[in-house]
Protein backbone atom coordinates (compact mmCIF):
# COMPACT_ATOMS: atom_id res chain seq x y z
CA MET A 1 63.81 150.59 67.09
CA LYS A 2 64.34 150.90 70.92
CA ILE A 3 60.75 152.30 72.11
CA ALA A 4 60.01 152.78 75.96
CA PHE A 5 56.56 153.11 77.01
CA VAL A 6 55.64 154.90 80.26
CA SER A 7 52.23 155.11 82.04
CA THR A 8 51.48 157.86 84.42
CA MET A 9 48.35 156.12 85.89
CA THR A 10 48.52 155.64 89.80
CA ALA A 11 45.10 155.37 90.83
CA ASP A 12 44.39 151.73 89.92
CA PRO A 13 46.37 148.89 88.63
CA TRP A 14 44.47 148.85 85.28
CA GLY A 15 42.20 150.92 83.36
CA GLY A 16 41.02 151.61 79.88
CA SER A 17 43.57 154.08 79.42
CA GLU A 18 46.33 151.29 79.41
CA VAL A 19 44.86 149.32 76.52
CA LEU A 20 46.05 151.31 73.55
CA TRP A 21 49.82 151.67 74.64
CA SER A 22 50.14 148.28 76.04
CA GLU A 23 48.52 146.47 72.88
CA THR A 24 50.97 148.74 70.75
CA CYS A 25 53.95 147.67 72.91
CA ARG A 26 52.88 144.01 72.13
CA ARG A 27 52.42 144.67 68.47
CA LEU A 28 55.90 146.25 68.34
CA ALA A 29 57.86 143.36 70.42
CA SER A 30 56.23 140.86 68.34
CA GLN A 31 57.74 142.75 65.34
CA GLY A 32 61.35 142.55 66.80
CA HIS A 33 61.52 145.98 68.13
CA LYS A 34 63.17 146.61 71.65
CA ALA A 35 60.33 147.76 73.94
CA THR A 36 60.62 148.69 77.74
CA ILE A 37 58.07 149.77 80.12
CA ALA A 38 57.94 152.06 83.08
CA TYR A 39 54.88 151.41 85.14
CA TRP A 40 53.52 152.18 88.49
CA HIS A 41 54.85 149.63 91.23
CA TRP A 42 51.96 147.52 92.33
CA PRO A 43 52.34 144.35 94.66
CA THR A 44 51.34 142.36 91.42
CA LEU A 45 51.52 143.39 87.92
CA PRO A 46 48.32 143.62 85.90
CA ALA A 47 47.68 140.47 83.93
CA PRO A 48 48.28 142.28 80.46
CA ILE A 49 51.56 143.73 81.76
CA GLN A 50 52.64 140.47 83.12
CA ALA A 51 51.85 138.87 79.88
CA LEU A 52 54.23 141.21 78.06
CA VAL A 53 57.00 140.25 80.46
CA ASP A 54 56.24 136.44 80.02
CA ASP A 55 55.88 136.54 76.26
CA PHE A 56 58.56 138.83 75.11
CA LYS A 57 60.78 139.25 78.27
CA ILE A 58 60.01 143.04 78.54
CA ASP A 59 61.69 144.97 81.26
CA VAL A 60 59.26 146.82 83.61
CA PHE A 61 60.70 149.56 85.69
CA PRO A 62 58.81 149.99 88.65
CA LEU A 63 57.78 153.66 89.14
CA GLY A 64 57.31 154.87 92.52
CA ARG A 65 59.45 152.22 94.23
CA ARG A 66 62.28 153.47 96.52
CA TYR A 67 65.71 152.27 96.48
CA PRO A 68 67.09 150.00 99.44
CA LEU A 69 67.96 152.04 102.52
CA ALA A 70 71.70 151.38 102.19
CA ARG A 71 71.73 152.41 98.50
CA ARG A 72 69.73 155.68 99.40
CA ILE A 73 72.44 156.34 102.03
CA GLY A 74 75.20 155.63 99.74
CA ARG A 75 73.68 157.94 96.93
CA ARG A 76 73.26 160.88 99.25
CA VAL A 77 76.88 160.71 100.48
CA LEU A 78 78.14 160.58 96.82
CA GLN A 79 75.85 163.45 95.89
CA GLU A 80 77.04 165.60 99.13
CA VAL A 81 80.65 165.20 98.10
CA GLY A 82 80.03 166.04 94.53
CA LEU A 83 80.88 162.69 92.86
CA VAL A 84 77.06 162.01 91.71
CA ARG A 85 74.49 164.68 90.57
CA PRO A 86 71.04 164.24 92.14
CA VAL A 87 68.72 162.75 89.55
CA SER A 88 65.64 160.77 90.03
CA ARG A 89 65.36 156.80 89.70
CA ALA A 90 63.21 157.60 86.58
CA GLN A 91 65.75 159.72 85.07
CA GLU A 92 68.49 157.10 85.72
CA TRP A 93 66.10 154.58 83.98
CA LEU A 94 65.52 156.91 80.88
CA ARG A 95 69.46 157.31 80.72
CA GLN A 96 70.05 153.84 80.72
CA VAL A 97 67.42 152.92 78.24
CA ASN A 98 68.18 155.52 76.11
CA PRO A 99 65.35 154.80 73.79
CA ASP A 100 65.06 156.02 70.17
CA LEU A 101 61.45 157.24 71.17
CA LEU A 102 59.60 157.64 74.52
CA CYS A 103 55.89 157.05 74.31
CA VAL A 104 54.25 158.76 77.56
CA SER A 105 50.43 157.65 78.15
CA ASN A 106 48.65 159.47 80.55
CA GLY A 107 45.14 158.78 82.08
CA VAL A 108 44.11 162.46 82.70
CA ALA A 109 45.40 165.49 80.76
CA PHE A 110 48.63 167.26 81.65
CA GLU A 111 49.99 164.46 83.97
CA GLU A 112 52.82 163.80 81.60
CA ALA A 113 54.47 167.13 82.10
CA PRO A 114 57.32 165.67 84.21
CA TRP A 115 58.14 162.92 81.69
CA MET A 116 58.22 165.69 78.91
CA GLU A 117 60.53 167.89 80.88
CA MET A 118 62.85 164.73 81.65
CA ALA A 119 62.80 164.03 77.93
CA VAL A 120 63.78 167.50 76.97
CA ALA A 121 66.55 167.48 79.50
CA GLU A 122 67.92 164.23 78.21
CA ARG A 123 67.20 164.93 74.78
CA VAL A 124 65.07 161.87 74.06
CA PRO A 125 62.57 162.21 71.38
CA PHE A 126 59.01 161.61 72.65
CA VAL A 127 55.27 161.51 71.96
CA THR A 128 52.42 161.75 74.43
CA ILE A 129 48.99 159.95 74.32
CA THR A 130 46.27 161.90 76.25
CA GLN A 131 43.31 159.98 77.54
CA ALA A 132 40.78 161.65 79.69
CA ASN A 133 40.29 165.32 80.33
CA ALA A 134 37.80 167.41 82.32
CA GLU A 135 36.40 170.76 82.09
CA VAL A 136 37.59 171.67 85.51
CA VAL A 137 41.28 171.02 84.88
CA TRP A 138 42.57 174.47 83.73
CA PRO A 139 46.25 174.91 84.47
CA PRO A 140 47.44 178.36 85.62
CA ASP A 141 49.09 180.74 83.24
CA GLN A 142 52.59 180.02 84.21
CA ARG A 143 52.18 176.18 83.98
CA ALA A 144 50.00 176.48 80.78
CA ALA A 145 53.01 178.35 79.23
CA ARG A 146 55.42 175.61 80.27
CA LEU A 147 53.02 173.02 78.99
CA ILE A 148 52.74 174.60 75.51
CA ALA A 149 56.34 174.69 75.22
CA LEU A 150 56.51 170.95 76.12
CA PHE A 151 54.04 169.71 73.91
CA SER A 152 55.41 171.72 71.25
CA ALA A 153 58.68 169.79 71.68
CA ALA A 154 56.94 166.46 71.09
CA ARG A 155 57.29 164.61 67.90
CA LYS A 156 53.27 163.98 68.39
CA CYS A 157 50.79 164.75 70.73
CA PHE A 158 48.08 161.96 70.27
CA PHE A 159 44.76 162.42 71.57
CA VAL A 160 41.92 159.66 71.62
CA SER A 161 39.11 161.94 70.66
CA HIS A 162 38.55 165.35 68.88
CA GLY A 163 36.61 166.67 71.88
CA ASN A 164 39.49 165.84 74.30
CA LEU A 165 42.06 167.68 71.94
CA ASP A 166 39.88 170.80 71.53
CA LEU A 167 39.42 171.10 75.23
CA ALA A 168 43.09 170.80 75.98
CA GLN A 169 43.66 173.54 73.33
CA ARG A 170 41.19 175.57 75.04
CA GLN A 171 42.59 174.96 78.36
CA LEU A 172 46.05 176.10 77.07
CA GLY A 173 44.85 178.96 75.11
CA ALA A 174 47.03 177.63 72.17
CA GLN A 175 46.66 175.26 69.21
CA LEU A 176 49.06 172.15 69.21
CA GLY A 177 50.22 171.92 65.67
CA ASN A 178 51.75 168.49 66.25
CA ALA A 179 48.56 166.85 67.68
CA GLU A 180 46.80 164.04 66.17
CA VAL A 181 43.63 161.85 67.23
CA VAL A 182 44.05 158.08 67.34
CA SER A 183 41.60 155.49 68.38
CA ASN A 184 41.97 153.72 71.54
CA HIS A 185 40.01 150.25 71.87
CA SER A 186 40.59 146.54 71.77
CA GLY A 187 40.26 144.70 68.64
CA ALA A 188 38.97 141.86 70.40
CA LEU A 189 35.35 142.58 69.82
CA TRP A 190 35.57 143.69 66.25
CA SER A 191 34.01 140.43 65.04
CA ALA A 192 31.57 140.29 67.94
CA ASP A 193 28.10 138.66 67.18
CA THR A 194 26.13 139.34 70.38
CA PRO A 195 22.53 138.11 70.25
CA TRP A 196 19.81 140.54 71.50
CA PRO A 197 19.19 139.55 75.28
CA ASN A 198 16.29 137.14 75.47
CA CYS A 199 14.48 138.59 78.58
CA GLN A 200 11.04 137.01 79.13
CA ASP A 201 10.17 139.21 82.14
CA GLY A 202 9.49 142.34 80.26
CA ILE A 203 12.24 144.24 82.17
CA TRP A 204 14.47 146.62 80.18
CA ARG A 205 17.93 146.17 81.33
CA LEU A 206 20.62 149.19 81.15
CA ALA A 207 24.27 148.65 81.73
CA CYS A 208 26.60 151.30 83.10
CA VAL A 209 30.22 150.11 82.69
CA GLY A 210 33.08 151.95 84.13
CA ARG A 211 35.08 152.52 87.24
CA LEU A 212 32.86 153.38 90.48
CA TYR A 213 34.27 157.08 90.50
CA PRO A 214 31.48 159.70 90.36
CA PRO A 215 33.88 162.75 89.69
CA ALA A 216 34.52 161.21 86.37
CA LYS A 217 31.83 158.56 85.69
CA GLY A 218 28.81 160.28 87.25
CA GLN A 219 26.79 157.55 88.63
CA ASP A 220 25.43 159.66 91.05
CA LEU A 221 23.60 161.43 88.44
CA LEU A 222 21.91 158.15 87.36
CA ILE A 223 20.63 157.58 90.98
CA ASP A 224 19.43 161.04 91.19
CA VAL A 225 17.41 160.29 87.83
CA LEU A 226 16.08 156.98 89.07
CA ARG A 227 14.69 158.10 92.09
CA GLN A 228 12.35 160.24 90.53
CA PRO A 229 8.74 158.68 90.74
CA GLN A 230 7.98 157.96 87.00
CA TRP A 231 11.28 155.78 86.89
CA ARG A 232 10.48 153.85 89.99
CA ALA A 233 7.38 152.64 88.37
CA ARG A 234 9.10 151.51 85.04
CA PRO A 235 10.19 147.92 84.47
CA LEU A 236 13.79 148.87 84.20
CA LEU A 237 16.95 147.44 85.80
CA LEU A 238 20.27 149.33 86.03
CA SER A 239 23.33 147.25 86.34
CA LEU A 240 26.60 149.01 87.57
CA TYR A 241 29.63 147.06 86.25
CA GLY A 242 33.15 147.89 87.65
CA ALA A 243 34.85 148.70 90.79
CA GLY A 244 36.20 151.75 92.30
CA PRO A 245 37.11 154.08 95.28
CA GLN A 246 33.47 155.20 95.82
CA GLU A 247 31.69 151.88 95.68
CA GLN A 248 30.47 152.05 99.28
CA CYS A 249 29.33 155.64 98.98
CA LEU A 250 27.30 154.64 95.79
CA ARG A 251 25.85 151.64 97.49
CA ARG A 252 24.72 154.05 100.34
CA LEU A 253 23.20 156.40 97.98
CA VAL A 254 21.23 153.60 96.34
CA GLN A 255 20.14 152.37 99.80
CA ALA A 256 19.08 155.77 100.95
CA SER A 257 17.27 156.33 97.67
CA GLY A 258 15.32 153.15 98.01
CA LEU A 259 16.40 151.61 94.73
CA GLU A 260 17.78 148.34 95.85
CA GLN A 261 15.45 146.61 93.32
CA GLN A 262 16.25 148.83 90.51
CA ILE A 263 19.99 149.16 90.63
CA GLN A 264 22.41 146.25 91.10
CA PHE A 265 26.12 146.21 91.45
CA CYS A 266 27.93 143.36 89.32
CA GLY A 267 31.57 144.10 89.97
CA HIS A 268 34.23 143.81 87.47
CA VAL A 269 33.33 141.48 84.51
CA SER A 270 36.11 140.43 82.20
CA ASP A 271 33.81 139.02 79.55
CA VAL A 272 32.47 142.06 77.87
CA ALA A 273 30.35 140.25 75.54
CA GLN A 274 28.68 138.66 78.42
CA ILE A 275 27.56 142.17 79.52
CA TRP A 276 25.75 142.75 76.24
CA ARG A 277 24.12 139.44 76.16
CA ASP A 278 22.39 140.45 79.32
CA ASN A 279 21.57 144.04 78.64
CA HIS A 280 19.63 146.01 75.99
CA ALA A 281 21.66 149.30 76.08
CA LEU A 282 24.54 151.23 77.74
CA ILE A 283 24.28 154.31 79.83
CA LEU A 284 27.38 156.62 80.69
CA PRO A 285 26.69 159.84 82.65
CA SER A 286 30.27 160.71 82.49
CA ARG A 287 31.42 164.15 83.72
CA ALA A 288 34.97 163.39 82.12
CA GLU A 289 36.14 160.93 79.40
CA GLY A 290 38.35 160.48 76.61
CA LEU A 291 36.59 158.21 74.08
CA PRO A 292 35.46 155.45 76.59
CA LEU A 293 36.30 151.82 75.64
CA ALA A 294 32.97 150.66 77.23
CA LEU A 295 31.15 152.71 74.62
CA VAL A 296 33.03 151.52 71.62
CA GLU A 297 32.48 148.11 72.86
CA ALA A 298 28.71 148.53 73.52
CA LEU A 299 28.28 149.87 69.87
CA LEU A 300 30.43 147.08 68.34
CA CYS A 301 28.22 144.62 70.18
CA GLY A 302 25.12 146.17 68.63
CA ARG A 303 23.61 148.23 71.67
CA PRO A 304 22.65 151.76 71.63
CA ALA A 305 24.06 154.12 74.12
CA ILE A 306 22.85 156.95 76.26
CA VAL A 307 25.83 159.22 76.94
CA THR A 308 26.61 162.62 78.04
CA ASP A 309 28.04 165.20 75.67
CA VAL A 310 31.57 165.08 76.85
CA ALA A 311 35.15 164.38 75.26
CA GLY A 312 34.39 161.96 72.16
CA ASN A 313 31.03 160.61 73.17
CA ALA A 314 29.01 162.55 70.47
CA GLU A 315 31.73 161.62 67.87
CA VAL A 316 30.48 158.12 67.82
CA VAL A 317 26.86 158.48 68.83
CA GLU A 318 24.13 160.11 66.56
CA HIS A 319 21.37 161.56 68.64
CA GLY A 320 18.14 159.64 67.97
CA VAL A 321 19.88 157.35 65.55
CA THR A 322 22.37 155.24 67.40
CA GLY A 323 21.66 156.46 70.84
CA PHE A 324 20.88 159.61 72.86
CA ILE A 325 22.92 162.33 74.06
CA ALA A 326 22.51 164.45 77.17
CA GLU A 327 23.58 168.09 76.63
CA ALA A 328 25.44 168.09 79.70
CA PRO A 329 26.62 165.99 82.71
CA ALA A 330 23.74 167.20 85.04
CA VAL A 331 20.72 165.77 86.24
CA ARG A 332 18.06 167.56 84.26
CA PRO A 333 19.82 166.92 80.65
CA LEU A 334 20.48 163.48 81.56
CA ALA A 335 16.95 162.99 82.79
CA ARG A 336 15.52 164.52 79.29
CA ALA A 337 17.77 162.15 77.30
CA MET A 338 16.97 159.20 79.23
CA GLU A 339 12.98 159.88 78.93
CA GLU A 340 13.60 160.33 75.08
CA ALA A 341 15.47 156.84 75.06
CA TRP A 342 12.75 155.14 77.17
CA ASN A 343 10.03 156.39 74.76
CA ALA A 344 11.94 154.89 71.98
CA ARG A 345 12.75 151.47 73.80
CA ASP A 346 11.10 149.45 71.13
CA TRP A 347 13.52 150.81 68.60
CA TRP A 348 16.68 149.86 70.47
CA ARG A 349 17.57 146.77 68.77
CA GLU A 350 17.48 148.54 65.37
CA MET A 351 19.53 151.25 66.68
CA GLY A 352 21.93 148.93 68.05
CA GLN A 353 22.41 147.23 64.67
CA LEU A 354 22.86 150.50 62.99
CA ALA A 355 25.42 151.48 65.68
CA SER A 356 27.23 148.29 65.17
CA ALA A 357 27.64 148.94 61.42
CA THR A 358 28.34 152.56 61.98
CA ILE A 359 31.21 152.43 64.55
CA ARG A 360 33.00 149.91 62.09
CA LYS A 361 33.16 152.73 59.58
CA GLN A 362 34.55 155.30 62.18
CA ILE A 363 37.32 153.38 63.89
CA PRO A 364 40.24 151.12 62.63
CA GLU A 365 40.10 147.51 63.45
CA ASP A 366 43.44 147.35 64.98
CA PRO A 367 44.50 150.61 66.67
CA ALA A 368 47.56 149.16 68.10
CA ALA A 369 48.87 148.29 64.53
CA VAL A 370 48.24 151.91 63.51
CA LEU A 371 49.89 153.60 66.60
CA GLY A 372 52.55 151.02 66.28
CA GLU A 373 53.38 152.04 62.57
CA LYS A 374 53.30 155.69 63.59
CA LEU A 375 55.70 155.29 66.48
CA VAL A 376 58.17 153.31 64.37
CA LYS A 377 58.03 155.92 61.73
CA LEU A 378 58.77 158.73 64.30
CA ALA A 379 61.53 156.65 65.83
CA MET A 380 63.26 156.00 62.47
CA GLN A 381 63.04 159.89 61.92
CA ALA A 382 64.45 160.62 65.31
CA ALA A 383 67.23 158.27 64.87
């Protein structure tokens, strides 16, 4: 089958939202299906996308890249005399590829609308994958009505957590009868055997893993909690893993709070298992999520998690059993959850072991294989 993948992410070259569709693309290409990709034009392709090009000769259409000036002028002249209808480069690409199925993956809810409209106009069967969503993203009535019609036209609307599906339906004021929840994580850590940190200094180590972007990831909430007197006096080290557009802002907040000894910036670490060889627990003070890969990875590696009750977090963490859940992404609820976690720190290792066993019962070992099978079936039905 001919299956085209589109990513709507433009903020960064790579992120957790890209794992599911790209690994599914790899799986389908390895099975002999014809896959093509539309991805934002970056100076250098992210390594996983470049690997798809190298391994399977997959064509990548550079979104956001403009035609050369001479061609733009020529096209404009042809449009003015009526010989060519004005269409976007993306629409031209979709017509040329003419896939049996278009799979649109978006990092934030409702970003896929232009692609859905294009697919409807070109009569191309399509599915969507919705990753992150946020309580503050409520489309106005006219746009919501259009989104409902577009989602209803999809063969399937995939969401990575029940929480985000429920939120999207509230934001639209409508049920999506063709919606389905799929898992988004890499199977690389499924067989992980990550030993408990061998720390001889008596310091408990928390890792916050994610993009340095407080509007979604909420690292500022952590700083506000740790500046409180009781936390300053405790043997605790918080490590922030990742990069992002607010790194310098967060560094200034840490410095202004006098927390340079309690909070360290570790940058991006590609060896996820190493993070969990060095840390006792995960903390995610997120304001918006899908189902964080960092959370699934921590649980697979046998670490308990302290999370906020957004998106799918509470679907894989049981409060007081495999982790701790703050009722809302705000300082006071987060402080209460962290206090409860701290008082139970001698049980973190046992909680992590239970978390590791539990998560393997909740999600598939190979999400790309699961989604790939669904896409092929939908493509065959549409053909």
